[in-house]
């Protein structure tokens, strides 16, 4: 504890008994790593096909991320997303990943809010409808406004999480979106919809 206090006092420029006796030791900076561009003859460590095949062994849940329409938009935005996870308990944060090429993401970004709709085992077709680009994804889909952000909360989903966008980070060809939870709810019934090796699945007894 004493050492911690001394370090703090030094950082703010206050005198200490230790600093009065001797000058603080100088510390050499760590060597900076050499930076260079990747050579044209260098190959990536793994191919995209191998990457997908290996990572496909990891089973994940499936969600639909939604956002309310903007001022000049006819309807709400939404897309199917399996790259979703909880991030922090205090404060309550969640995260999802979206491709930089997504045409839906700019609309969600402009809204500044989103709702995570966690899909149940019987909602594979609902997921497929939100995975199609350029279609009216909300056609025939019943939903109500989430209580805080107004993002579409899809009917009959096992759980939903209403969020405000907290931060966005780059991650290769994807963006890492962090959301702060402002409301949530769960029915507490039914099995989750799973995605494994390119197919939908469900929990087995």
Protein backbone atom coordinates (compact mmCIF):
# COMPACT_ATOMS: atom_id res chain seq x y z
CA UNK A 1 0.00 0.00 0.00
CA UNK A 2 2.81 2.44 0.92
CA UNK A 3 4.53 1.85 -2.39
CA UNK A 4 1.29 2.51 -4.23
CA UNK A 5 0.82 5.84 -2.43
CA UNK A 6 4.38 6.89 -3.21
CA UNK A 7 3.91 6.11 -6.90
CA UNK A 8 0.73 8.15 -6.98
CA UNK A 9 2.34 11.16 -5.27
CA UNK A 10 5.21 11.05 -7.71
CA UNK A 11 2.80 10.95 -10.63
CA UNK A 12 1.10 14.16 -9.50
CA UNK A 13 4.40 15.91 -8.66
CA UNK A 14 4.08 15.90 -4.86
CA UNK A 15 7.24 15.47 -2.74
CA UNK A 16 7.82 12.22 -0.91
CA UNK A 17 10.41 11.11 1.61
CA UNK A 18 11.72 8.60 -0.90
CA UNK A 19 12.11 11.21 -3.64
CA UNK A 20 13.85 13.59 -1.21
CA UNK A 21 16.55 11.01 -0.52
CA UNK A 22 17.36 10.07 -4.11
CA UNK A 23 16.35 10.78 -7.64
CA UNK A 24 13.94 8.28 -9.21
CA UNK A 25 15.63 5.72 -11.39
CA UNK A 26 15.27 6.19 -15.11
CA UNK A 27 13.56 3.42 -17.02
CA UNK A 28 14.45 2.65 -20.60
CA UNK A 29 11.48 2.25 -22.95
CA UNK A 30 10.91 -1.19 -24.39
CA UNK A 31 12.19 -1.61 -27.93
CA UNK A 32 9.53 -0.90 -30.53
CA UNK A 33 8.69 -3.86 -32.77
CA UNK A 34 9.76 -3.63 -36.37
CA UNK A 35 6.78 -2.88 -38.62
CA UNK A 36 6.63 -3.90 -42.24
CA UNK A 37 4.11 -4.53 -44.96
CA UNK A 38 3.15 -8.10 -45.82
CA UNK A 39 5.08 -9.24 -48.83
CA UNK A 40 3.27 -10.13 -52.04
CA UNK A 41 4.71 -13.65 -51.90
CA UNK A 42 3.50 -14.31 -48.34
CA UNK A 43 0.46 -16.50 -47.92
CA UNK A 44 -2.23 -16.22 -45.28
CA UNK A 45 -1.80 -18.82 -42.49
CA UNK A 46 -5.20 -20.39 -43.25
CA UNK A 47 -7.59 -20.25 -46.17
CA UNK A 48 -11.12 -18.83 -45.77
CA UNK A 49 -12.56 -22.28 -46.53
CA UNK A 50 -10.48 -23.93 -43.81
CA UNK A 51 -11.33 -21.14 -41.38
CA UNK A 52 -15.07 -21.65 -41.94
CA UNK A 53 -14.78 -25.46 -41.72
CA UNK A 54 -12.91 -25.44 -38.42
CA UNK A 55 -14.89 -22.64 -36.75
CA UNK A 56 -18.11 -24.33 -37.87
CA UNK A 57 -17.51 -26.91 -35.15
CA UNK A 58 -18.40 -24.26 -32.59
CA UNK A 59 -22.18 -24.29 -32.06
CA UNK A 60 -23.74 -20.88 -31.46
CA UNK A 61 -27.12 -19.44 -30.78
CA UNK A 62 -28.95 -17.38 -33.40
CA UNK A 63 -30.37 -13.89 -33.07
CA UNK A 64 -32.06 -11.20 -35.12
CA UNK A 65 -30.71 -7.69 -34.53
CA UNK A 66 -33.32 -4.98 -35.18
CA UNK A 67 -33.48 -1.18 -35.12
CA UNK A 68 -36.28 1.37 -35.59
CA UNK A 69 -36.65 3.22 -38.90
CA UNK A 70 -34.93 6.54 -39.46
CA UNK A 71 -36.70 9.75 -40.48
CA UNK A 72 -36.47 9.02 -44.21
CA UNK A 73 -36.84 5.24 -44.01
CA UNK A 74 -40.02 3.34 -44.77
CA UNK A 75 -39.55 0.56 -42.23
CA UNK A 76 -37.33 -0.87 -39.50
CA UNK A 77 -33.96 -2.55 -40.08
CA UNK A 78 -32.90 -6.04 -39.14
CA UNK A 79 -30.54 -8.90 -39.94
CA UNK A 80 -29.83 -12.44 -38.76
CA UNK A 81 -26.76 -12.67 -36.54
CA UNK A 82 -25.03 -15.64 -34.91
CA UNK A 83 -21.98 -13.63 -33.75
CA UNK A 84 -23.55 -12.41 -30.51
CA UNK A 85 -22.37 -12.71 -26.91
CA UNK A 86 -22.68 -11.19 -23.47
CA UNK A 87 -19.69 -8.97 -22.65
CA UNK A 88 -19.96 -7.37 -19.20
CA UNK A 89 -22.13 -7.69 -16.12
CA UNK A 90 -21.34 -4.30 -14.57
CA UNK A 91 -22.12 -2.27 -16.59
CA UNK A 92 -24.40 -4.61 -18.54
CA UNK A 93 -22.92 -4.87 -22.04
CA UNK A 94 -23.45 -7.20 -24.98
CA UNK A 95 -21.67 -7.43 -28.31
CA UNK A 96 -22.34 -8.57 -31.85
CA UNK A 97 -20.26 -8.65 -35.00
CA UNK A 98 -21.43 -7.47 -38.42
CA UNK A 99 -19.72 -7.55 -41.81
CA UNK A 100 -18.40 -4.23 -43.07
CA UNK A 101 -20.25 -4.92 -46.33
CA UNK A 102 -23.62 -5.15 -44.57
CA UNK A 103 -26.24 -2.83 -46.05
CA UNK A 104 -28.31 -3.04 -42.84
CA UNK A 105 -25.59 -1.94 -40.44
CA UNK A 106 -25.50 1.74 -41.56
CA UNK A 107 -29.20 2.02 -40.70
CA UNK A 108 -28.63 0.53 -37.24
CA UNK A 109 -25.64 2.82 -36.72
CA UNK A 110 -27.73 5.88 -37.60
CA UNK A 111 -30.44 4.78 -35.18
CA UNK A 112 -27.87 4.39 -32.39
CA UNK A 113 -29.95 1.65 -30.78
CA UNK A 114 -30.86 -1.98 -31.39
CA UNK A 115 -32.76 -4.94 -29.99
CA UNK A 116 -31.32 -8.45 -29.85
CA UNK A 117 -34.04 -11.03 -30.49
CA UNK A 118 -32.85 -14.48 -29.36
CA UNK A 119 -34.51 -17.11 -31.54
CA UNK A 120 -36.09 -20.37 -30.41
CA UNK A 121 -35.69 -23.84 -31.88
CA UNK A 122 -38.79 -23.51 -34.09
CA UNK A 123 -37.81 -20.17 -35.62
CA UNK A 124 -35.40 -21.29 -38.33
CA UNK A 125 -37.59 -19.88 -41.10
CA UNK A 126 -37.76 -16.55 -39.32
CA UNK A 127 -33.97 -16.49 -39.24
CA UNK A 128 -33.77 -17.29 -42.97
CA UNK A 129 -36.13 -14.42 -43.80
CA UNK A 130 -33.81 -11.97 -42.03
CA UNK A 131 -30.73 -13.44 -43.72
CA UNK A 132 -31.94 -12.41 -47.20
CA UNK A 133 -30.45 -9.17 -48.49
CA UNK A 134 -32.67 -6.59 -50.14
CA UNK A 135 -36.01 -8.19 -49.25
CA UNK A 136 -38.77 -6.81 -47.01
CA UNK A 137 -37.60 -8.76 -43.98
CA UNK A 138 -40.47 -7.63 -41.76
CA UNK A 139 -43.24 -8.71 -44.14
CA UNK A 140 -45.70 -10.81 -42.14
CA UNK A 141 -43.53 -10.63 -39.02
CA UNK A 142 -45.37 -9.47 -35.90
CA UNK A 143 -43.44 -7.19 -33.58
CA UNK A 144 -43.85 -4.49 -30.95
CA UNK A 145 -41.56 -1.60 -29.97
CA UNK A 146 -38.97 -2.46 -27.33
CA UNK A 147 -39.74 -0.46 -24.18
CA UNK A 148 -36.81 1.98 -24.20
CA UNK A 149 -35.40 2.28 -27.74
CA UNK A 150 -38.47 1.41 -29.80
CA UNK A 151 -36.51 -1.19 -31.77
CA UNK A 152 -38.68 -4.07 -33.07
CA UNK A 153 -39.16 -6.76 -30.47
CA UNK A 154 -40.23 -9.82 -32.45
CA UNK A 155 -43.22 -11.75 -31.16
CA UNK A 156 -42.77 -15.23 -29.69
CA UNK A 157 -38.98 -15.02 -29.24
CA UNK A 158 -37.69 -16.69 -26.05
CA UNK A 159 -35.75 -13.57 -25.00
CA UNK A 160 -34.94 -10.02 -26.08
CA UNK A 161 -32.36 -7.40 -25.09
CA UNK A 162 -32.92 -3.68 -25.73
CA UNK A 163 -29.67 -1.71 -26.16
CA UNK A 164 -28.03 1.58 -27.00
CA UNK A 165 -24.81 1.50 -29.03
CA UNK A 166 -21.89 2.02 -26.64
CA UNK A 167 -18.91 1.59 -28.97
CA UNK A 168 -17.86 0.21 -32.35
CA UNK A 169 -14.46 -1.36 -33.00
CA UNK A 170 -12.83 -2.68 -36.14
CA UNK A 171 -12.13 -6.39 -36.46
CA UNK A 172 -10.77 -7.36 -39.85
CA UNK A 173 -13.61 -7.59 -42.35
CA UNK A 174 -16.17 -7.16 -39.54
CA UNK A 175 -17.15 -4.51 -37.02
CA UNK A 176 -17.45 -5.28 -33.31
CA UNK A 177 -20.49 -3.49 -31.90
CA UNK A 178 -20.85 -3.05 -28.14
CA UNK A 179 -24.29 -2.28 -26.77
CA UNK A 180 -25.34 -1.08 -23.33
CA UNK A 181 -28.41 -2.94 -22.08
CA UNK A 182 -31.31 -0.68 -21.12
CA UNK A 183 -34.11 -3.26 -20.90
CA UNK A 184 -34.53 -7.00 -21.35
CA UNK A 185 -36.93 -9.87 -20.88
CA UNK A 186 -37.34 -13.62 -21.30
CA UNK A 187 -40.21 -16.04 -21.51
CA UNK A 188 -38.14 -18.72 -19.80
CA UNK A 189 -39.54 -21.49 -21.99
CA UNK A 190 -38.49 -23.47 -25.04
CA UNK A 191 -35.19 -24.57 -26.53
CA UNK A 192 -32.75 -22.28 -28.37
CA UNK A 193 -32.12 -22.30 -32.10
CA UNK A 194 -28.55 -23.45 -32.69
CA UNK A 195 -26.26 -23.10 -35.70
CA UNK A 196 -23.61 -25.78 -36.24
CA UNK A 197 -21.57 -26.71 -39.32
CA UNK A 198 -23.73 -24.58 -41.60
CA UNK A 199 -27.04 -26.01 -40.39
CA UNK A 200 -29.69 -25.23 -37.81
CA UNK A 201 -29.97 -27.62 -34.91
CA UNK A 202 -31.42 -28.03 -31.45
CA UNK A 203 -30.43 -29.48 -28.11
CA UNK A 204 -30.60 -33.26 -27.89
CA UNK A 205 -31.64 -35.16 -24.76
